[in-house]
Amino acid sequence: MAHFGQEAAELRAKLRSYTARKIATTWPQDRGLAPVLHDPQAVQLLDDIEMRLRAASPPSQAQQAGGTSALQLVGELKSTSRLLTVQQSARTPRPFLVVVIFWLSMLFVSYAIFAPLNATVIGAMFICAVSVSTAVNLTFDMDQPFSGFIRVSPAPMQQALADMQD
């Protein structure tokens, strides 16, 4: 939209506002707060940007191509936003977690029953238990990509917002 000149200044401001809002709701400053992936106000901003892009009639061929490209990007943003909203409710089933933990517990119990009792075996069992429990935790942490121990970084969005400043 930078190629549209001053006529698109309001659209660029709305896009900056949308980006800042998505950063604030998806990656809240307080890590205790859950991210909000479905934000009706952000959707309204994106709809307004799309409506204004469709209504614009750029005079040059290059600006028309830029408008078409901008409309495609807005469509991709909308579909990605909807996909993230749908995936937010898709969680790993609790019975699966119970079965995996039970199965791993039985494996470790069976190994411990037949292993000699010495410091090497105890150390190895402890390291294995920590490794497996960390792997299970990380697997289930991936259900919540915008919160938890490992999360998607907001840095690319923050960089995009910084690049949008006039």
C-alpha atoms as a PDB file:
ATOM      1  CA  MET A   1       0.000   0.000   0.000  1.00  0.00           C
ATOM      2  CA  ALA A   2       3.033   2.251   0.204  1.00  0.00           C
ATOM      3  CA  HIS A   3       2.934   2.538  -3.605  1.00  0.00           C
ATOM      4  CA  PHE A   4      -0.555   4.071  -3.564  1.00  0.00           C
ATOM      5  CA  GLY A   5       0.738   7.343  -2.186  1.00  0.00           C
ATOM      6  CA  GLN A   6      -1.099   9.650   0.205  1.00  0.00           C
ATOM      7  CA  GLU A   7      -4.515   8.378  -0.931  1.00  0.00           C
ATOM      8  CA  ALA A   8      -3.874   5.139   0.963  1.00  0.00           C
ATOM      9  CA  ALA A   9      -2.594   6.768   4.175  1.00  0.00           C
ATOM     10  CA  GLU A  10      -5.806   5.888   6.004  1.00  0.00           C
ATOM     11  CA  LEU A  11      -5.620   2.276   4.786  1.00  0.00           C
ATOM     12  CA  ARG A  12      -2.020   2.021   5.964  1.00  0.00           C
ATOM     13  CA  ALA A  13      -3.047   3.414   9.356  1.00  0.00           C
ATOM     14  CA  LYS A  14      -5.827   0.808   9.604  1.00  0.00           C
ATOM     15  CA  LEU A  15      -3.386  -1.955   8.665  1.00  0.00           C
ATOM     16  CA  ARG A  16      -0.960  -0.759  11.349  1.00  0.00           C
ATOM     17  CA  SER A  17      -3.835  -0.681  13.832  1.00  0.00           C
ATOM     18  CA  TYR A  18      -4.872  -4.213  12.853  1.00  0.00           C
ATOM     19  CA  THR A  19      -1.305  -5.496  13.204  1.00  0.00           C
ATOM     20  CA  ALA A  20      -0.805  -3.824  16.585  1.00  0.00           C
ATOM     21  CA  ARG A  21      -4.136  -5.224  17.811  1.00  0.00           C
ATOM     22  CA  LYS A  22      -3.292  -8.771  16.664  1.00  0.00           C
ATOM     23  CA  ILE A  23       0.099  -8.587  18.394  1.00  0.00           C
ATOM     24  CA  ALA A  24      -1.505  -7.349  21.614  1.00  0.00           C
ATOM     25  CA  THR A  25      -4.238 -10.007  21.669  1.00  0.00           C
ATOM     26  CA  THR A  26      -2.204 -12.952  20.394  1.00  0.00           C
ATOM     27  CA  TRP A  27       0.848 -12.328  22.590  1.00  0.00           C
ATOM     28  CA  PRO A  28      -0.405 -10.589  25.758  1.00  0.00           C
ATOM     29  CA  GLN A  29       2.229  -8.874  27.897  1.00  0.00           C
ATOM     30  CA  ASP A  30       1.112 -10.882  30.936  1.00  0.00           C
ATOM     31  CA  ARG A  31       2.080 -14.505  30.224  1.00  0.00           C
ATOM     32  CA  GLY A  32      -0.682 -15.601  32.600  1.00  0.00           C
ATOM     33  CA  LEU A  33      -3.365 -14.322  30.222  1.00  0.00           C
ATOM     34  CA  ALA A  34      -4.594 -16.611  27.477  1.00  0.00           C
ATOM     35  CA  PRO A  35      -4.131 -15.383  23.907  1.00  0.00           C
ATOM     36  CA  VAL A  36      -7.273 -14.232  22.110  1.00  0.00           C
ATOM     37  CA  LEU A  37      -7.210 -15.516  18.555  1.00  0.00           C
ATOM     38  CA  HIS A  38     -10.796 -14.599  17.670  1.00  0.00           C
ATOM     39  CA  ASP A  39     -11.099 -10.839  17.978  1.00  0.00           C
ATOM     40  CA  PRO A  40     -14.216  -9.385  16.301  1.00  0.00           C
ATOM     41  CA  GLN A  41     -12.755  -5.865  16.263  1.00  0.00           C
ATOM     42  CA  ALA A  42      -9.653  -7.062  14.412  1.00  0.00           C
ATOM     43  CA  VAL A  43     -11.867  -8.910  11.934  1.00  0.00           C
ATOM     44  CA  GLN A  44     -13.871  -5.712  11.433  1.00  0.00           C
ATOM     45  CA  LEU A  45     -10.666  -3.763  10.761  1.00  0.00           C
ATOM     46  CA  LEU A  46      -9.600  -6.329   8.185  1.00  0.00           C
ATOM     47  CA  ASP A  47     -13.054  -6.292   6.559  1.00  0.00           C
ATOM     48  CA  ASP A  48     -12.912  -2.503   6.377  1.00  0.00           C
ATOM     49  CA  ILE A  49      -9.456  -2.627   4.758  1.00  0.00           C
ATOM     50  CA  GLU A  50     -10.741  -5.153   2.215  1.00  0.00           C
ATOM     51  CA  MET A  51     -13.834  -3.065   1.453  1.00  0.00           C
ATOM     52  CA  ARG A  52     -11.763   0.074   0.894  1.00  0.00           C
ATOM     53  CA  LEU A  53      -9.287  -1.785  -1.312  1.00  0.00           C
ATOM     54  CA  ARG A  54     -12.137  -3.081  -3.450  1.00  0.00           C
ATOM     55  CA  ALA A  55     -13.628   0.411  -3.703  1.00  0.00           C
ATOM     56  CA  ALA A  56     -10.323   2.037  -4.673  1.00  0.00           C
ATOM     57  CA  SER A  57      -9.689   2.684  -8.343  1.00  0.00           C
ATOM     58  CA  PRO A  58      -5.956   3.130  -8.816  1.00  0.00           C
ATOM     59  CA  PRO A  59      -5.073   5.074 -11.967  1.00  0.00           C
ATOM     60  CA  SER A  60      -1.950   3.249 -13.114  1.00  0.00           C
ATOM     61  CA  GLN A  61      -1.419  -0.358 -14.143  1.00  0.00           C
ATOM     62  CA  ALA A  62       1.213  -0.858 -11.424  1.00  0.00           C
ATOM     63  CA  GLN A  63      -1.154   0.424  -8.745  1.00  0.00           C
ATOM     64  CA  GLN A  64      -3.915  -1.874 -10.017  1.00  0.00           C
ATOM     65  CA  ALA A  65      -1.561  -4.850  -9.749  1.00  0.00           C
ATOM     66  CA  GLY A  66      -0.609  -3.723  -6.249  1.00  0.00           C
ATOM     67  CA  GLY A  67      -4.286  -3.483  -5.313  1.00  0.00           C
ATOM     68  CA  THR A  68      -4.924  -7.002  -6.570  1.00  0.00           C
ATOM     69  CA  SER A  69      -1.941  -8.280  -4.613  1.00  0.00           C
ATOM     70  CA  ALA A  70      -3.115  -6.446  -1.479  1.00  0.00           C
ATOM     71  CA  LEU A  71      -6.586  -8.018  -1.813  1.00  0.00           C
ATOM     72  CA  GLN A  72      -5.005 -11.475  -2.074  1.00  0.00           C
ATOM     73  CA  LEU A  73      -2.939 -10.826   1.043  1.00  0.00           C
ATOM     74  CA  VAL A  74      -6.011  -9.655   2.964  1.00  0.00           C
ATOM     75  CA  GLY A  75      -7.804 -12.847   1.898  1.00  0.00           C
ATOM     76  CA  GLU A  76      -4.874 -14.931   3.139  1.00  0.00           C
ATOM     77  CA  LEU A  77      -4.858 -13.023   6.444  1.00  0.00           C
ATOM     78  CA  LYS A  78      -8.568 -13.702   6.901  1.00  0.00           C
ATOM     79  CA  SER A  79      -8.281 -17.415   6.129  1.00  0.00           C
ATOM     80  CA  THR A  80      -5.232 -17.804   8.391  1.00  0.00           C
ATOM     81  CA  SER A  81      -7.051 -15.999  11.187  1.00  0.00           C
ATOM     82  CA  ARG A  82     -10.063 -18.312  10.819  1.00  0.00           C
ATOM     83  CA  LEU A  83      -7.810 -21.371  10.759  1.00  0.00           C
ATOM     84  CA  LEU A  84      -6.044 -20.297  13.957  1.00  0.00           C
ATOM     85  CA  THR A  85      -9.398 -19.716  15.636  1.00  0.00           C
ATOM     86  CA  VAL A  86     -10.615 -23.196  14.692  1.00  0.00           C
ATOM     87  CA  GLN A  87      -7.354 -24.836  15.734  1.00  0.00           C
ATOM     88  CA  GLN A  88      -7.447 -23.080  19.109  1.00  0.00           C
ATOM     89  CA  SER A  89     -10.354 -25.285  20.149  1.00  0.00           C
ATOM     90  CA  ALA A  90      -8.745 -28.496  18.844  1.00  0.00           C
ATOM     91  CA  ARG A  91      -6.902 -30.010  21.779  1.00  0.00           C
ATOM     92  CA  THR A  92      -5.253 -33.365  22.334  1.00  0.00           C
ATOM     93  CA  PRO A  93      -7.865 -35.618  23.940  1.00  0.00           C
ATOM     94  CA  ARG A  94      -7.486 -36.255  27.669  1.00  0.00           C
ATOM     95  CA  PRO A  95      -7.873 -40.076  27.272  1.00  0.00           C
ATOM     96  CA  PHE A  96      -4.882 -40.064  24.933  1.00  0.00           C
ATOM     97  CA  LEU A  97      -2.805 -38.339  27.610  1.00  0.00           C
ATOM     98  CA  VAL A  98      -3.906 -40.874  30.225  1.00  0.00           C
ATOM     99  CA  VAL A  99      -3.051 -43.825  27.970  1.00  0.00           C
ATOM    100  CA  VAL A 100       0.380 -42.424  27.046  1.00  0.00           C
ATOM    101  CA  ILE A 101       1.285 -41.730  30.676  1.00  0.00           C
ATOM    102  CA  PHE A 102       0.053 -45.167  31.775  1.00  0.00           C
ATOM    103  CA  TRP A 103       1.985 -46.885  28.983  1.00  0.00           C
ATOM    104  CA  LEU A 104       5.202 -45.012  29.793  1.00  0.00           C
ATOM    105  CA  SER A 105       4.758 -45.719  33.508  1.00  0.00           C
ATOM    106  CA  MET A 106       4.396 -49.436  32.830  1.00  0.00           C
ATOM    107  CA  LEU A 107       7.528 -49.400  30.663  1.00  0.00           C
ATOM    108  CA  PHE A 108       9.568 -47.764  33.403  1.00  0.00           C
ATOM    109  CA  VAL A 109       8.158 -50.072  36.085  1.00  0.00           C
ATOM    110  CA  SER A 110       9.016 -53.154  33.998  1.00  0.00           C
ATOM    111  CA  TYR A 111      12.543 -51.868  33.407  1.00  0.00           C
ATOM    112  CA  ALA A 112      12.966 -51.089  37.116  1.00  0.00           C
ATOM    113  CA  ILE A 113      11.750 -54.514  38.248  1.00  0.00           C
ATOM    114  CA  PHE A 114      14.400 -56.419  36.303  1.00  0.00           C
ATOM    115  CA  ALA A 115      17.287 -53.959  36.669  1.00  0.00           C
ATOM    116  CA  PRO A 116      19.905 -54.320  39.389  1.00  0.00           C
ATOM    117  CA  LEU A 117      19.723 -51.706  42.109  1.00  0.00           C
ATOM    118  CA  ASN A 118      22.817 -49.512  41.744  1.00  0.00           C
ATOM    119  CA  ALA A 119      23.621 -45.826  41.195  1.00  0.00           C
ATOM    120  CA  THR A 120      24.088 -46.169  37.428  1.00  0.00           C
ATOM    121  CA  VAL A 121      20.657 -47.734  36.906  1.00  0.00           C
ATOM    122  CA  ILE A 122      18.959 -45.202  39.177  1.00  0.00           C
ATOM    123  CA  GLY A 123      20.698 -42.301  37.394  1.00  0.00           C
ATOM    124  CA  ALA A 124      19.806 -43.669  33.954  1.00  0.00           C
ATOM    125  CA  MET A 125      16.169 -44.216  34.986  1.00  0.00           C
ATOM    126  CA  PHE A 126      15.982 -40.687  36.374  1.00  0.00           C
ATOM    127  CA  ILE A 127      17.437 -39.138  33.197  1.00  0.00           C
ATOM    128  CA  CYS A 128      15.091 -41.198  31.014  1.00  0.00           C
ATOM    129  CA  ALA A 129      12.069 -40.257  33.132  1.00  0.00           C
ATOM    130  CA  VAL A 130      12.926 -36.554  32.926  1.00  0.00           C
ATOM    131  CA  SER A 131      13.514 -36.796  29.158  1.00  0.00           C
ATOM    132  CA  VAL A 132      10.260 -38.636  28.471  1.00  0.00           C
ATOM    133  CA  SER A 133       8.196 -36.376  30.732  1.00  0.00           C
ATOM    134  CA  THR A 134       9.692 -33.296  29.059  1.00  0.00           C
ATOM    135  CA  ALA A 135       8.891 -34.720  25.617  1.00  0.00           C
ATOM    136  CA  VAL A 136       5.283 -35.451  26.628  1.00  0.00           C
ATOM    137  CA  ASN A 137       4.960 -31.970  28.125  1.00  0.00           C
ATOM    138  CA  LEU A 138       6.330 -30.336  24.964  1.00  0.00           C
ATOM    139  CA  THR A 139       4.033 -32.428  22.787  1.00  0.00           C
ATOM    140  CA  PHE A 140       0.991 -31.223  24.672  1.00  0.00           C
ATOM    141  CA  ASP A 141       2.394 -27.705  24.888  1.00  0.00           C
ATOM    142  CA  MET A 142       2.261 -27.577  21.095  1.00  0.00           C
ATOM    143  CA  ASP A 143      -1.552 -27.557  21.398  1.00  0.00           C
ATOM    144  CA  GLN A 144      -1.169 -23.972  22.563  1.00  0.00           C
ATOM    145  CA  PRO A 145       1.340 -22.408  20.160  1.00  0.00           C
ATOM    146  CA  PHE A 146       0.883 -18.844  21.469  1.00  0.00           C
ATOM    147  CA  SER A 147       1.223 -19.632  25.178  1.00  0.00           C
ATOM    148  CA  GLY A 148       3.054 -22.119  27.325  1.00  0.00           C
ATOM    149  CA  PHE A 149       6.701 -22.968  27.795  1.00  0.00           C
ATOM    150  CA  ILE A 150       7.571 -22.909  24.097  1.00  0.00           C
ATOM    151  CA  ARG A 151       5.533 -20.507  22.002  1.00  0.00           C
ATOM    152  CA  VAL A 152       5.514 -18.871  18.601  1.00  0.00           C
ATOM    153  CA  SER A 153       7.625 -15.725  18.675  1.00  0.00           C
ATOM    154  CA  PRO A 154       5.962 -12.345  18.116  1.00  0.00           C
ATOM    155  CA  ALA A 155       9.210 -10.941  16.651  1.00  0.00           C
ATOM    156  CA  PRO A 156       8.229 -11.232  12.949  1.00  0.00           C
ATOM    157  CA  MET A 157       4.918  -9.453  13.582  1.00  0.00           C
ATOM    158  CA  GLN A 158       6.654  -6.763  15.642  1.00  0.00           C
ATOM    159  CA  GLN A 159       9.206  -6.300  12.855  1.00  0.00           C
ATOM    160  CA  ALA A 160       6.408  -6.018  10.280  1.00  0.00           C
ATOM    161  CA  LEU A 161       4.702  -3.392  12.450  1.00  0.00           C
ATOM    162  CA  ALA A 162       7.959  -1.461  12.762  1.00  0.00           C
ATOM    163  CA  ASP A 163       8.390  -1.604   8.972  1.00  0.00           C
ATOM    164  CA  MET A 164       4.904  -0.149   8.488  1.00  0.00           C
ATOM    165  CA  GLN A 165       5.734   3.102  10.292  1.00  0.00           C
ATOM    166  CA  ASP A 166       5.677   6.062   7.928  1.00  0.00           C
END
